[in-house]
C-alpha cells in the first residue's frame, strides 16, 4: 500500500510540474516572461496557443481521474493563460493597426 501511495504522490508531483512547465512555456510565448535561454521576450501567439490547447486537451483526457487540487490547479492555469492570451492578442492587434 505504501508503494502505491508513493507512486501516486510521485505521479501527482509530475502532473503538477507538467502543468507548470506548459504554463511557463505559454507565458514565454506570450512575451510575459523572458525566455530562460535567450533572456529575451518575444510574442508567438501560435506557440502560446499550442501549450494552452495542450493543457485543455489534458483536462479533457484526464477528466474524472484528477484530485480536486489537481483539477483546480489545471483549471486555474488554463483560465489565467486564456486571459493572458486574449490580452496579448488584443495588444498585438492594436499594435498592427497603429502601424
C-alpha atoms as a PDB file:
ATOM      1  CA  UNK A   1       0.000   0.000   0.000  1.00  0.00           C
ATOM      2  CA  UNK A   2       2.797   2.419   0.865  1.00  0.00           C
ATOM      3  CA  UNK A   3       4.418   1.791  -2.531  1.00  0.00           C
ATOM      4  CA  UNK A   4       1.134   2.616  -4.278  1.00  0.00           C
ATOM      5  CA  UNK A   5       0.823   5.860  -2.275  1.00  0.00           C
ATOM      6  CA  UNK A   6       4.418   6.781  -3.140  1.00  0.00           C
ATOM      7  CA  UNK A   7       3.720   6.148  -6.845  1.00  0.00           C
ATOM      8  CA  UNK A   8       0.532   8.252  -6.646  1.00  0.00           C
ATOM      9  CA  UNK A   9       2.393  11.099  -4.900  1.00  0.00           C
ATOM     10  CA  UNK A  10       5.183  10.908  -7.479  1.00  0.00           C
ATOM     11  CA  UNK A  11       2.731  10.933 -10.390  1.00  0.00           C
ATOM     12  CA  UNK A  12       0.794  13.790  -8.820  1.00  0.00           C
ATOM     13  CA  UNK A  13       4.018  15.765  -8.456  1.00  0.00           C
ATOM     14  CA  UNK A  14       4.950  15.047 -12.098  1.00  0.00           C
ATOM     15  CA  UNK A  15       1.473  16.112 -13.222  1.00  0.00           C
ATOM     16  CA  UNK A  16       1.728  19.414 -11.342  1.00  0.00           C
ATOM     17  CA  UNK A  17       5.202  20.023 -12.787  1.00  0.00           C
ATOM     18  CA  UNK A  18       3.877  19.323 -16.296  1.00  0.00           C
ATOM     19  CA  UNK A  19       1.103  21.875 -15.809  1.00  0.00           C
ATOM     20  CA  UNK A  20       3.576  24.491 -14.583  1.00  0.00           C
ATOM     21  CA  UNK A  21       6.047  23.721 -17.382  1.00  0.00           C
ATOM     22  CA  UNK A  22       3.382  24.144 -20.071  1.00  0.00           C
ATOM     23  CA  UNK A  23       2.089  27.303 -18.377  1.00  0.00           C
ATOM     24  CA  UNK A  24       5.614  28.756 -18.251  1.00  0.00           C
ATOM     25  CA  UNK A  25       6.195  27.932 -21.918  1.00  0.00           C
ATOM     26  CA  UNK A  26       2.883  29.567 -22.818  1.00  0.00           C
ATOM     27  CA  UNK A  27       3.845  32.685 -20.840  1.00  0.00           C
ATOM     28  CA  UNK A  28       7.224  32.811 -22.620  1.00  0.00           C
ATOM     29  CA  UNK A  29       5.407  32.617 -25.961  1.00  0.00           C
ATOM     30  CA  UNK A  30       3.027  35.348 -24.834  1.00  0.00           C
ATOM     31  CA  UNK A  31       6.029  37.553 -24.120  1.00  0.00           C
ATOM     32  CA  UNK A  32       5.002  37.845 -20.467  1.00  0.00           C
ATOM     33  CA  UNK A  33       8.255  36.363 -19.166  1.00  0.00           C
ATOM     34  CA  UNK A  34      11.690  36.223 -20.721  1.00  0.00           C
ATOM     35  CA  UNK A  35      12.887  33.114 -22.495  1.00  0.00           C
ATOM     36  CA  UNK A  36      15.205  31.456 -19.936  1.00  0.00           C
ATOM     37  CA  UNK A  37      17.755  30.611 -22.643  1.00  0.00           C
ATOM     38  CA  UNK A  38      17.871  33.866 -24.609  1.00  0.00           C
ATOM     39  CA  UNK A  39      16.734  36.248 -21.834  1.00  0.00           C
ATOM     40  CA  UNK A  40      14.545  37.943 -24.485  1.00  0.00           C
ATOM     41  CA  UNK A  41      10.804  38.441 -24.600  1.00  0.00           C
ATOM     42  CA  UNK A  42       9.022  37.735 -27.856  1.00  0.00           C
ATOM     43  CA  UNK A  43       5.356  37.168 -28.669  1.00  0.00           C
ATOM     44  CA  UNK A  44       4.449  33.989 -30.555  1.00  0.00           C
ATOM     45  CA  UNK A  45       0.673  33.571 -30.327  1.00  0.00           C
ATOM     46  CA  UNK A  46       0.738  30.305 -32.270  1.00  0.00           C
ATOM     47  CA  UNK A  47       3.306  28.852 -29.870  1.00  0.00           C
ATOM     48  CA  UNK A  48       1.319  30.039 -26.850  1.00  0.00           C
ATOM     49  CA  UNK A  49      -1.852  28.580 -28.314  1.00  0.00           C
ATOM     50  CA  UNK A  50      -0.165  25.170 -28.665  1.00  0.00           C
ATOM     51  CA  UNK A  51       0.646  24.992 -24.948  1.00  0.00           C
ATOM     52  CA  UNK A  52      -2.748  26.331 -23.851  1.00  0.00           C
ATOM     53  CA  UNK A  53      -4.553  23.910 -26.169  1.00  0.00           C
ATOM     54  CA  UNK A  54      -2.377  21.078 -24.837  1.00  0.00           C
ATOM     55  CA  UNK A  55      -3.471  21.865 -21.271  1.00  0.00           C
ATOM     56  CA  UNK A  56      -7.123  21.988 -22.371  1.00  0.00           C
ATOM     57  CA  UNK A  57      -6.694  18.600 -24.062  1.00  0.00           C
ATOM     58  CA  UNK A  58      -5.022  17.227 -20.923  1.00  0.00           C
ATOM     59  CA  UNK A  59      -8.005  18.419 -18.867  1.00  0.00           C
ATOM     60  CA  UNK A  60     -10.426  16.659 -21.215  1.00  0.00           C
ATOM     61  CA  UNK A  61      -8.430  13.414 -21.358  1.00  0.00           C
ATOM     62  CA  UNK A  62      -7.900  13.258 -17.585  1.00  0.00           C
ATOM     63  CA  UNK A  63     -11.463  14.209 -16.588  1.00  0.00           C
ATOM     64  CA  UNK A  64     -12.551  12.113 -13.619  1.00  0.00           C
ATOM     65  CA  UNK A  65      -9.015  10.953 -12.842  1.00  0.00           C
ATOM     66  CA  UNK A  66      -7.665  14.007 -11.032  1.00  0.00           C
ATOM     67  CA  UNK A  67      -7.784  15.012  -7.398  1.00  0.00           C
ATOM     68  CA  UNK A  68      -9.695  18.199  -6.615  1.00  0.00           C
ATOM     69  CA  UNK A  69      -6.396  20.019  -6.088  1.00  0.00           C
ATOM     70  CA  UNK A  70      -5.004  18.844  -9.442  1.00  0.00           C
ATOM     71  CA  UNK A  71      -8.231  19.724 -11.243  1.00  0.00           C
ATOM     72  CA  UNK A  72      -8.408  23.157  -9.608  1.00  0.00           C
ATOM     73  CA  UNK A  73      -4.776  23.885 -10.472  1.00  0.00           C
ATOM     74  CA  UNK A  74      -5.281  22.851 -14.096  1.00  0.00           C
ATOM     75  CA  UNK A  75      -8.464  24.908 -14.423  1.00  0.00           C
ATOM     76  CA  UNK A  76      -6.856  27.956 -12.792  1.00  0.00           C
ATOM     77  CA  UNK A  77      -3.795  27.795 -15.042  1.00  0.00           C
ATOM     78  CA  UNK A  78      -5.915  27.409 -18.186  1.00  0.00           C
ATOM     79  CA  UNK A  79      -8.116  30.357 -17.204  1.00  0.00           C
ATOM     80  CA  UNK A  80      -5.082  32.533 -16.417  1.00  0.00           C
ATOM     81  CA  UNK A  81      -3.388  31.617 -19.694  1.00  0.00           C
ATOM     82  CA  UNK A  82      -6.524  32.182 -21.764  1.00  0.00           C
ATOM     83  CA  UNK A  83      -6.962  35.610 -20.177  1.00  0.00           C
ATOM     84  CA  UNK A  84      -3.322  36.498 -20.894  1.00  0.00           C
ATOM     85  CA  UNK A  85      -3.643  35.169 -24.447  1.00  0.00           C
ATOM     86  CA  UNK A  86      -6.704  37.336 -25.124  1.00  0.00           C
ATOM     87  CA  UNK A  87      -4.929  40.387 -23.688  1.00  0.00           C
ATOM     88  CA  UNK A  88      -1.786  39.778 -25.738  1.00  0.00           C
ATOM     89  CA  UNK A  89      -3.758  39.105 -28.938  1.00  0.00           C
ATOM     90  CA  UNK A  90      -5.645  42.377 -28.433  1.00  0.00           C
ATOM     91  CA  UNK A  91      -2.377  44.261 -27.832  1.00  0.00           C
ATOM     92  CA  UNK A  92      -0.896  42.734 -30.992  1.00  0.00           C
ATOM     93  CA  UNK A  93      -3.968  43.751 -32.990  1.00  0.00           C
ATOM     94  CA  UNK A  94      -3.750  47.332 -31.694  1.00  0.00           C
ATOM     95  CA  UNK A  95      -0.024  47.487 -32.500  1.00  0.00           C
ATOM     96  CA  UNK A  96      -0.683  46.388 -36.078  1.00  0.00           C
ATOM     97  CA  UNK A  97      -3.488  48.917 -36.504  1.00  0.00           C
ATOM     98  CA  UNK A  98      -1.199  51.747 -35.346  1.00  0.00           C
ATOM     99  CA  UNK A  99       1.446  50.890 -37.955  1.00  0.00           C
END
